[in-house]
């Protein structure tokens, strides 16, 4: 139920500004805010959408960033892993599923030097090849992932400890950073359920440790400037953002499930 004073334009403008400016801040993370003393700083300031902008100014700022600065990277195919020409020259790989997770944006924590924590889970479809897999298979996988990871949105509690699950015959070599063993098992079982595979305790290994990881690692000098050090094995929550299917011989992945907060196009299921 919408409130009585709900304003469609204010709501749309606020969301566009929020999502667009997050990407601009990350892209120009080495440039100061509110500065036009250098060409890059001026570009950053000009690309950021302001609250008082008109529709035309908002569109021009988005065009300046997406087309002129970023060269439409948001719609270009990603490069993943070892270059295809070096790693796929002699054999064809089994199709691969990637589940991508991202920490919720917090303006008090994430700035141009400290990015959001990411998480990836990948596995192979061992009963399929690039020749046999079809659109119907992709739609079936997309629906299963949607129900398991996007309805409701699945949260992965990342932590200090490593939990692995290796069942290579079924295509799994999972390596997860988790808060405890039960969290590792929970995530693994959720991933196995995509293909209705049983959980086998013989394949899981939980690596405990007594090490401590500081949340305030300080700064170090990089590229002539003191910059924040990244927090190692940061304990945080990362939520599901999208799932992709990689097929050997196709330059672009098939976007199976994408949440509204992600920027991928041409998806089977948009949440």
C-alpha atoms as a PDB file:
ATOM      1  CA  UNK A   1       0.000   0.000   0.000  1.00  0.00           C
ATOM      2  CA  UNK A   2       1.542   3.290  -1.116  1.00  0.00           C
ATOM      3  CA  UNK A   3       1.472   6.232   1.319  1.00  0.00           C
ATOM      4  CA  UNK A   4      -0.830   9.144   0.503  1.00  0.00           C
ATOM      5  CA  UNK A   5       2.038  11.534  -0.168  1.00  0.00           C
ATOM      6  CA  UNK A   6       3.948   9.062  -2.388  1.00  0.00           C
ATOM      7  CA  UNK A   7       5.607  10.826  -5.328  1.00  0.00           C
ATOM      8  CA  UNK A   8       6.473   8.612  -8.306  1.00  0.00           C
ATOM      9  CA  UNK A   9       9.043  11.054  -9.721  1.00  0.00           C
ATOM     10  CA  UNK A  10      10.822  11.552  -6.390  1.00  0.00           C
ATOM     11  CA  UNK A  11      10.940   7.794  -5.849  1.00  0.00           C
ATOM     12  CA  UNK A  12      12.307   7.133  -9.345  1.00  0.00           C
ATOM     13  CA  UNK A  13      14.831   9.960  -9.186  1.00  0.00           C
ATOM     14  CA  UNK A  14      16.062   8.847  -5.760  1.00  0.00           C
ATOM     15  CA  UNK A  15      16.647   5.233  -6.848  1.00  0.00           C
ATOM     16  CA  UNK A  16      18.307   6.222 -10.128  1.00  0.00           C
ATOM     17  CA  UNK A  17      20.609   8.632  -8.297  1.00  0.00           C
ATOM     18  CA  UNK A  18      21.484   6.100  -5.582  1.00  0.00           C
ATOM     19  CA  UNK A  19      22.336   3.199  -7.903  1.00  0.00           C
ATOM     20  CA  UNK A  20      24.083   5.325 -10.540  1.00  0.00           C
ATOM     21  CA  UNK A  21      26.207   7.259  -8.045  1.00  0.00           C
ATOM     22  CA  UNK A  22      27.405   4.055  -6.336  1.00  0.00           C
ATOM     23  CA  UNK A  23      28.902   2.872  -9.622  1.00  0.00           C
ATOM     24  CA  UNK A  24      30.397   6.302 -10.399  1.00  0.00           C
ATOM     25  CA  UNK A  25      32.031   6.486  -6.945  1.00  0.00           C
ATOM     26  CA  UNK A  26      33.612   3.073  -7.444  1.00  0.00           C
ATOM     27  CA  UNK A  27      34.759   3.869 -10.995  1.00  0.00           C
ATOM     28  CA  UNK A  28      36.412   7.131  -9.899  1.00  0.00           C
ATOM     29  CA  UNK A  29      37.477   5.830  -6.480  1.00  0.00           C
ATOM     30  CA  UNK A  30      40.888   7.530  -6.631  1.00  0.00           C
ATOM     31  CA  UNK A  31      39.433  10.987  -7.251  1.00  0.00           C
ATOM     32  CA  UNK A  32      38.428  13.423  -4.521  1.00  0.00           C
ATOM     33  CA  UNK A  33      34.812  14.476  -4.085  1.00  0.00           C
ATOM     34  CA  UNK A  34      33.631  17.980  -4.983  1.00  0.00           C
ATOM     35  CA  UNK A  35      36.781  18.670  -6.962  1.00  0.00           C
ATOM     36  CA  UNK A  36      37.223  19.834 -10.562  1.00  0.00           C
ATOM     37  CA  UNK A  37      40.929  20.670 -10.413  1.00  0.00           C
ATOM     38  CA  UNK A  38      41.914  17.736 -12.680  1.00  0.00           C
ATOM     39  CA  UNK A  39      40.227  16.231 -15.745  1.00  0.00           C
ATOM     40  CA  UNK A  40      39.321  12.974 -13.944  1.00  0.00           C
ATOM     41  CA  UNK A  41      38.049  14.747 -10.838  1.00  0.00           C
ATOM     42  CA  UNK A  42      35.941  16.992 -13.058  1.00  0.00           C
ATOM     43  CA  UNK A  43      34.505  13.952 -14.831  1.00  0.00           C
ATOM     44  CA  UNK A  44      33.611  12.340 -11.504  1.00  0.00           C
ATOM     45  CA  UNK A  45      31.845  15.464 -10.271  1.00  0.00           C
ATOM     46  CA  UNK A  46      29.986  15.876 -13.545  1.00  0.00           C
ATOM     47  CA  UNK A  47      28.877  12.227 -13.751  1.00  0.00           C
ATOM     48  CA  UNK A  48      27.368  12.223 -10.245  1.00  0.00           C
ATOM     49  CA  UNK A  49      23.620  12.871 -10.300  1.00  0.00           C
ATOM     50  CA  UNK A  50      22.520  15.714  -8.023  1.00  0.00           C
ATOM     51  CA  UNK A  51      19.211  15.882  -6.156  1.00  0.00           C
ATOM     52  CA  UNK A  52      18.185  19.089  -7.905  1.00  0.00           C
ATOM     53  CA  UNK A  53      18.892  17.768 -11.441  1.00  0.00           C
ATOM     54  CA  UNK A  54      16.207  17.895 -14.092  1.00  0.00           C
ATOM     55  CA  UNK A  55      15.316  14.829 -16.154  1.00  0.00           C
ATOM     56  CA  UNK A  56      17.484  16.076 -19.001  1.00  0.00           C
ATOM     57  CA  UNK A  57      20.506  16.655 -16.762  1.00  0.00           C
ATOM     58  CA  UNK A  58      20.079  13.221 -15.188  1.00  0.00           C
ATOM     59  CA  UNK A  59      20.057  11.576 -18.620  1.00  0.00           C
ATOM     60  CA  UNK A  60      23.092  13.551 -19.768  1.00  0.00           C
ATOM     61  CA  UNK A  61      25.085  12.595 -16.672  1.00  0.00           C
ATOM     62  CA  UNK A  62      24.204   8.929 -17.180  1.00  0.00           C
ATOM     63  CA  UNK A  63      25.157   9.120 -20.851  1.00  0.00           C
ATOM     64  CA  UNK A  64      28.445  10.845 -20.025  1.00  0.00           C
ATOM     65  CA  UNK A  65      29.367   8.088 -17.593  1.00  0.00           C
ATOM     66  CA  UNK A  66      27.974   4.959 -19.267  1.00  0.00           C
ATOM     67  CA  UNK A  67      28.913   5.785 -22.868  1.00  0.00           C
ATOM     68  CA  UNK A  68      31.710   8.349 -22.833  1.00  0.00           C
ATOM     69  CA  UNK A  69      33.666   7.294 -19.729  1.00  0.00           C
ATOM     70  CA  UNK A  70      32.869   3.603 -19.260  1.00  0.00           C
ATOM     71  CA  UNK A  71      32.503   2.790 -22.990  1.00  0.00           C
ATOM     72  CA  UNK A  72      29.341   0.753 -22.313  1.00  0.00           C
ATOM     73  CA  UNK A  73      31.180  -1.748 -20.099  1.00  0.00           C
ATOM     74  CA  UNK A  74      27.901  -2.651 -18.399  1.00  0.00           C
ATOM     75  CA  UNK A  75      26.678  -4.384 -21.571  1.00  0.00           C
ATOM     76  CA  UNK A  76      29.959  -5.904 -22.709  1.00  0.00           C
ATOM     77  CA  UNK A  77      30.827  -9.526 -22.093  1.00  0.00           C
ATOM     78  CA  UNK A  78      32.901 -10.110 -18.941  1.00  0.00           C
ATOM     79  CA  UNK A  79      36.375 -11.626 -18.907  1.00  0.00           C
ATOM     80  CA  UNK A  80      36.623 -14.387 -16.303  1.00  0.00           C
ATOM     81  CA  UNK A  81      39.442 -16.628 -15.140  1.00  0.00           C
ATOM     82  CA  UNK A  82      42.421 -17.402 -17.325  1.00  0.00           C
ATOM     83  CA  UNK A  83      42.146 -15.985 -20.869  1.00  0.00           C
ATOM     84  CA  UNK A  84      40.060 -18.254 -23.082  1.00  0.00           C
ATOM     85  CA  UNK A  85      42.729 -18.562 -25.766  1.00  0.00           C
ATOM     86  CA  UNK A  86      45.274 -19.896 -23.235  1.00  0.00           C
ATOM     87  CA  UNK A  87      43.050 -22.174 -21.170  1.00  0.00           C
ATOM     88  CA  UNK A  88      40.473 -23.538 -23.593  1.00  0.00           C
ATOM     89  CA  UNK A  89      42.565 -24.172 -26.675  1.00  0.00           C
ATOM     90  CA  UNK A  90      42.859 -27.966 -26.444  1.00  0.00           C
ATOM     91  CA  UNK A  91      39.603 -29.130 -24.878  1.00  0.00           C
ATOM     92  CA  UNK A  92      36.007 -28.203 -24.322  1.00  0.00           C
ATOM     93  CA  UNK A  93      34.774 -27.546 -20.818  1.00  0.00           C
ATOM     94  CA  UNK A  94      31.604 -28.651 -19.189  1.00  0.00           C
ATOM     95  CA  UNK A  95      29.066 -25.828 -18.825  1.00  0.00           C
ATOM     96  CA  UNK A  96      29.608 -23.801 -15.657  1.00  0.00           C
ATOM     97  CA  UNK A  97      27.159 -22.115 -13.268  1.00  0.00           C
ATOM     98  CA  UNK A  98      28.256 -19.034 -11.323  1.00  0.00           C
ATOM     99  CA  UNK A  99      26.343 -17.652  -8.345  1.00  0.00           C
ATOM    100  CA  UNK A 100      27.380 -14.110  -7.426  1.00  0.00           C
ATOM    101  CA  UNK A 101      26.886 -12.452  -4.042  1.00  0.00           C
ATOM    102  CA  UNK A 102      27.546  -8.892  -2.858  1.00  0.00           C
ATOM    103  CA  UNK A 103      27.577  -7.089   0.466  1.00  0.00           C
ATOM    104  CA  UNK A 104      24.863  -4.474   0.920  1.00  0.00           C
ATOM    105  CA  UNK A 105      26.127  -0.955   0.240  1.00  0.00           C
ATOM    106  CA  UNK A 106      26.698   1.172   3.338  1.00  0.00           C
ATOM    107  CA  UNK A 107      27.785   4.794   2.687  1.00  0.00           C
ATOM    108  CA  UNK A 108      29.460   4.935   6.115  1.00  0.00           C
ATOM    109  CA  UNK A 109      31.727   1.972   5.305  1.00  0.00           C
ATOM    110  CA  UNK A 110      32.102   1.791   1.543  1.00  0.00           C
ATOM    111  CA  UNK A 111      33.896   4.685  -0.071  1.00  0.00           C
ATOM    112  CA  UNK A 112      36.286   5.119  -2.973  1.00  0.00           C
ATOM    113  CA  UNK A 113      38.942   3.095  -1.088  1.00  0.00           C
ATOM    114  CA  UNK A 114      36.865   0.343   0.545  1.00  0.00           C
ATOM    115  CA  UNK A 115      34.627  -1.625  -1.792  1.00  0.00           C
ATOM    116  CA  UNK A 116      31.777  -4.007  -0.990  1.00  0.00           C
ATOM    117  CA  UNK A 117      32.690  -7.596  -0.145  1.00  0.00           C
ATOM    118  CA  UNK A 118      31.928 -10.083  -2.929  1.00  0.00           C
ATOM    119  CA  UNK A 119      31.323 -13.818  -3.035  1.00  0.00           C
ATOM    120  CA  UNK A 120      31.257 -16.358  -5.878  1.00  0.00           C
ATOM    121  CA  UNK A 121      30.226 -20.002  -6.026  1.00  0.00           C
ATOM    122  CA  UNK A 122      30.837 -21.985  -9.213  1.00  0.00           C
ATOM    123  CA  UNK A 123      30.255 -25.574 -10.266  1.00  0.00           C
ATOM    124  CA  UNK A 124      30.169 -27.636 -13.486  1.00  0.00           C
ATOM    125  CA  UNK A 125      27.271 -29.428 -15.158  1.00  0.00           C
ATOM    126  CA  UNK A 126      28.960 -32.777 -15.702  1.00  0.00           C
ATOM    127  CA  UNK A 127      26.059 -34.419 -17.560  1.00  0.00           C
ATOM    128  CA  UNK A 128      26.016 -31.657 -20.171  1.00  0.00           C
ATOM    129  CA  UNK A 129      28.328 -30.415 -22.907  1.00  0.00           C
ATOM    130  CA  UNK A 130      28.261 -27.282 -25.023  1.00  0.00           C
ATOM    131  CA  UNK A 131      26.576 -29.356 -27.751  1.00  0.00           C
ATOM    132  CA  UNK A 132      23.860 -30.938 -25.619  1.00  0.00           C
ATOM    133  CA  UNK A 133      22.808 -28.082 -23.333  1.00  0.00           C
ATOM    134  CA  UNK A 134      19.728 -26.221 -24.546  1.00  0.00           C
ATOM    135  CA  UNK A 135      17.583 -23.191 -23.812  1.00  0.00           C
ATOM    136  CA  UNK A 136      15.125 -25.502 -22.050  1.00  0.00           C
ATOM    137  CA  UNK A 137      17.934 -26.696 -19.748  1.00  0.00           C
ATOM    138  CA  UNK A 138      18.891 -23.095 -18.988  1.00  0.00           C
ATOM    139  CA  UNK A 139      15.271 -22.193 -18.191  1.00  0.00           C
ATOM    140  CA  UNK A 140      14.964 -25.194 -15.880  1.00  0.00           C
ATOM    141  CA  UNK A 141      18.150 -24.240 -14.028  1.00  0.00           C
ATOM    142  CA  UNK A 142      17.082 -20.602 -13.853  1.00  0.00           C
ATOM    143  CA  UNK A 143      13.746 -21.509 -12.261  1.00  0.00           C
ATOM    144  CA  UNK A 144      15.435 -23.788  -9.704  1.00  0.00           C
ATOM    145  CA  UNK A 145      17.990 -21.107  -8.778  1.00  0.00           C
ATOM    146  CA  UNK A 146      15.265 -18.468  -8.582  1.00  0.00           C
ATOM    147  CA  UNK A 147      13.286 -20.569  -6.112  1.00  0.00           C
ATOM    148  CA  UNK A 148      16.342 -21.476  -4.042  1.00  0.00           C
ATOM    149  CA  UNK A 149      18.317 -18.222  -4.010  1.00  0.00           C
ATOM    150  CA  UNK A 150      15.964 -15.393  -4.937  1.00  0.00           C
ATOM    151  CA  UNK A 151      12.679 -16.285  -3.273  1.00  0.00           C
ATOM    152  CA  UNK A 152      13.529 -15.006  -0.693  1.00  0.00           C
ATOM    153  CA  UNK A 153      16.982 -13.536  -1.362  1.00  0.00           C
ATOM    154  CA  UNK A 154      19.624 -15.930  -0.024  1.00  0.00           C
ATOM    155  CA  UNK A 155      22.227 -14.581   2.432  1.00  0.00           C
ATOM    156  CA  UNK A 156      25.715 -16.053   2.831  1.00  0.00           C
ATOM    157  CA  UNK A 157      27.336 -15.315   6.198  1.00  0.00           C
ATOM    158  CA  UNK A 158      31.019 -14.932   5.333  1.00  0.00           C
ATOM    159  CA  UNK A 159      33.596 -15.371   8.071  1.00  0.00           C
ATOM    160  CA  UNK A 160      37.129 -16.430   8.987  1.00  0.00           C
ATOM    161  CA  UNK A 161      36.887 -20.191   8.481  1.00  0.00           C
ATOM    162  CA  UNK A 162      37.227 -22.242   5.308  1.00  0.00           C
ATOM    163  CA  UNK A 163      34.738 -24.941   4.389  1.00  0.00           C
ATOM    164  CA  UNK A 164      35.331 -27.029   1.263  1.00  0.00           C
ATOM    165  CA  UNK A 165      33.269 -29.595  -0.629  1.00  0.00           C
ATOM    166  CA  UNK A 166      34.979 -31.616  -3.345  1.00  0.00           C
ATOM    167  CA  UNK A 167      32.930 -34.002  -5.477  1.00  0.00           C
ATOM    168  CA  UNK A 168      34.612 -33.692  -8.859  1.00  0.00           C
ATOM    169  CA  UNK A 169      32.550 -36.425 -10.512  1.00  0.00           C
ATOM    170  CA  UNK A 170      29.478 -34.243 -10.005  1.00  0.00           C
ATOM    171  CA  UNK A 171      31.357 -31.014 -10.809  1.00  0.00           C
ATOM    172  CA  UNK A 172      31.834 -29.523  -7.324  1.00  0.00           C
ATOM    173  CA  UNK A 173      35.000 -27.989  -5.906  1.00  0.00           C
ATOM    174  CA  UNK A 174      33.463 -25.498  -3.477  1.00  0.00           C
ATOM    175  CA  UNK A 175      35.647 -23.338  -1.237  1.00  0.00           C
ATOM    176  CA  UNK A 176      33.723 -21.108   1.113  1.00  0.00           C
ATOM    177  CA  UNK A 177      34.659 -18.663   3.856  1.00  0.00           C
ATOM    178  CA  UNK A 178      32.021 -19.006   6.563  1.00  0.00           C
ATOM    179  CA  UNK A 179      31.305 -18.159  10.198  1.00  0.00           C
ATOM    180  CA  UNK A 180      31.044 -21.811  11.281  1.00  0.00           C
ATOM    181  CA  UNK A 181      30.682 -25.371   9.982  1.00  0.00           C
ATOM    182  CA  UNK A 182      26.884 -25.400  10.054  1.00  0.00           C
ATOM    183  CA  UNK A 183      26.819 -22.295   7.836  1.00  0.00           C
ATOM    184  CA  UNK A 184      29.120 -24.041   5.362  1.00  0.00           C
ATOM    185  CA  UNK A 185      26.874 -27.098   5.276  1.00  0.00           C
ATOM    186  CA  UNK A 186      23.786 -24.934   4.820  1.00  0.00           C
ATOM    187  CA  UNK A 187      25.235 -23.196   1.769  1.00  0.00           C
ATOM    188  CA  UNK A 188      26.607 -26.413   0.250  1.00  0.00           C
ATOM    189  CA  UNK A 189      23.268 -28.213   0.588  1.00  0.00           C
ATOM    190  CA  UNK A 190      21.520 -25.250  -1.043  1.00  0.00           C
ATOM    191  CA  UNK A 191      23.918 -25.390  -4.014  1.00  0.00           C
ATOM    192  CA  UNK A 192      23.557 -29.185  -4.364  1.00  0.00           C
ATOM    193  CA  UNK A 193      19.778 -28.812  -4.420  1.00  0.00           C
ATOM    194  CA  UNK A 194      19.985 -26.964  -7.743  1.00  0.00           C
ATOM    195  CA  UNK A 195      20.708 -30.324  -9.415  1.00  0.00           C
ATOM    196  CA  UNK A 196      18.997 -32.471  -6.751  1.00  0.00           C
ATOM    197  CA  UNK A 197      22.337 -33.950  -5.714  1.00  0.00           C
ATOM    198  CA  UNK A 198      22.618 -35.587  -2.261  1.00  0.00           C
ATOM    199  CA  UNK A 199      24.915 -34.156   0.392  1.00  0.00           C
ATOM    200  CA  UNK A 200      27.802 -36.536   1.159  1.00  0.00           C
ATOM    201  CA  UNK A 201      29.681 -35.867   4.400  1.00  0.00           C
ATOM    202  CA  UNK A 202      32.749 -37.661   3.002  1.00  0.00           C
ATOM    203  CA  UNK A 203      33.348 -34.716   0.655  1.00  0.00           C
ATOM    204  CA  UNK A 204      33.197 -31.872   3.186  1.00  0.00           C
ATOM    205  CA  UNK A 205      36.128 -30.469   5.126  1.00  0.00           C
ATOM    206  CA  UNK A 206      35.954 -27.680   7.695  1.00  0.00           C
ATOM    207  CA  UNK A 207      39.214 -25.911   8.510  1.00  0.00           C
ATOM    208  CA  UNK A 208      39.167 -24.216  11.907  1.00  0.00           C
ATOM    209  CA  UNK A 209      41.866 -21.779  13.007  1.00  0.00           C
ATOM    210  CA  UNK A 210      42.820 -19.570  15.925  1.00  0.00           C
ATOM    211  CA  UNK A 211      44.003 -16.663  13.817  1.00  0.00           C
ATOM    212  CA  UNK A 212      42.585 -13.222  14.319  1.00  0.00           C
ATOM    213  CA  UNK A 213      41.783 -10.815  11.510  1.00  0.00           C
ATOM    214  CA  UNK A 214      41.591  -7.139  12.342  1.00  0.00           C
ATOM    215  CA  UNK A 215      38.733  -5.019  11.063  1.00  0.00           C
ATOM    216  CA  UNK A 216      40.955  -1.928  11.088  1.00  0.00           C
ATOM    217  CA  UNK A 217      44.145  -2.903   9.223  1.00  0.00           C
ATOM    218  CA  UNK A 218      45.262   0.698   8.797  1.00  0.00           C
ATOM    219  CA  UNK A 219      46.800   2.180   5.672  1.00  0.00           C
ATOM    220  CA  UNK A 220      49.728   1.548   3.355  1.00  0.00           C
ATOM    221  CA  UNK A 221      51.368   3.480   0.575  1.00  0.00           C
ATOM    222  CA  UNK A 222      50.170   2.553  -2.920  1.00  0.00           C
ATOM    223  CA  UNK A 223      50.772   4.490  -6.120  1.00  0.00           C
ATOM    224  CA  UNK A 224      52.192   7.475  -4.274  1.00  0.00           C
ATOM    225  CA  UNK A 225      49.338   7.799  -1.793  1.00  0.00           C
ATOM    226  CA  UNK A 226      48.357   6.435   1.624  1.00  0.00           C
ATOM    227  CA  UNK A 227      45.385   4.159   1.093  1.00  0.00           C
ATOM    228  CA  UNK A 228      43.268   1.917   3.287  1.00  0.00           C
ATOM    229  CA  UNK A 229      44.335  -1.719   3.461  1.00  0.00           C
ATOM    230  CA  UNK A 230      41.654  -4.245   2.621  1.00  0.00           C
ATOM    231  CA  UNK A 231      40.078  -6.151   5.491  1.00  0.00           C
ATOM    232  CA  UNK A 232      41.119  -9.800   5.155  1.00  0.00           C
ATOM    233  CA  UNK A 233      38.411 -12.433   5.622  1.00  0.00           C
ATOM    234  CA  UNK A 234      35.895  -9.807   6.600  1.00  0.00           C
ATOM    235  CA  UNK A 235      32.973 -11.177   8.615  1.00  0.00           C
ATOM    236  CA  UNK A 236      29.901  -9.842   6.828  1.00  0.00           C
ATOM    237  CA  UNK A 237      26.695 -10.809   5.049  1.00  0.00           C
ATOM    238  CA  UNK A 238      26.666 -11.070   1.263  1.00  0.00           C
ATOM    239  CA  UNK A 239      23.380 -11.520  -0.566  1.00  0.00           C
ATOM    240  CA  UNK A 240      22.582 -13.230  -3.851  1.00  0.00           C
ATOM    241  CA  UNK A 241      22.670 -10.866  -6.845  1.00  0.00           C
ATOM    242  CA  UNK A 242      22.728 -13.019  -9.992  1.00  0.00           C
ATOM    243  CA  UNK A 243      23.402 -16.413 -11.560  1.00  0.00           C
ATOM    244  CA  UNK A 244      25.045 -17.018 -14.930  1.00  0.00           C
ATOM    245  CA  UNK A 245      25.621 -20.008 -17.195  1.00  0.00           C
ATOM    246  CA  UNK A 246      28.940 -20.155 -19.076  1.00  0.00           C
ATOM    247  CA  UNK A 247      29.016 -22.368 -22.158  1.00  0.00           C
ATOM    248  CA  UNK A 248      32.177 -23.085 -24.120  1.00  0.00           C
ATOM    249  CA  UNK A 249      31.923 -21.562 -27.586  1.00  0.00           C
ATOM    250  CA  UNK A 250      29.631 -18.706 -26.551  1.00  0.00           C
ATOM    251  CA  UNK A 251      31.285 -15.286 -26.056  1.00  0.00           C
ATOM    252  CA  UNK A 252      28.674 -14.131 -23.527  1.00  0.00           C
ATOM    253  CA  UNK A 253      27.213 -15.953 -20.530  1.00  0.00           C
ATOM    254  CA  UNK A 254      23.521 -16.765 -20.280  1.00  0.00           C
ATOM    255  CA  UNK A 255      22.045 -14.641 -17.479  1.00  0.00           C
ATOM    256  CA  UNK A 256      19.798 -17.057 -15.612  1.00  0.00           C
ATOM    257  CA  UNK A 257      18.569 -15.046 -12.621  1.00  0.00           C
ATOM    258  CA  UNK A 258      19.256 -11.371 -11.922  1.00  0.00           C
ATOM    259  CA  UNK A 259      18.005  -9.275  -9.023  1.00  0.00           C
ATOM    260  CA  UNK A 260      16.843  -5.731  -9.660  1.00  0.00           C
ATOM    261  CA  UNK A 261      19.942  -4.356  -7.897  1.00  0.00           C
ATOM    262  CA  UNK A 262      22.238  -5.831 -10.571  1.00  0.00           C
ATOM    263  CA  UNK A 263      22.918  -4.303 -13.978  1.00  0.00           C
ATOM    264  CA  UNK A 264      22.974  -7.366 -16.245  1.00  0.00           C
ATOM    265  CA  UNK A 265      20.746  -7.470 -19.308  1.00  0.00           C
ATOM    266  CA  UNK A 266      18.826 -10.165 -21.223  1.00  0.00           C
ATOM    267  CA  UNK A 267      18.026 -12.412 -18.305  1.00  0.00           C
ATOM    268  CA  UNK A 268      15.676 -15.392 -18.094  1.00  0.00           C
ATOM    269  CA  UNK A 269      14.341 -14.397 -14.659  1.00  0.00           C
ATOM    270  CA  UNK A 270      14.507 -10.803 -13.366  1.00  0.00           C
ATOM    271  CA  UNK A 271      13.675 -10.513  -9.669  1.00  0.00           C
END
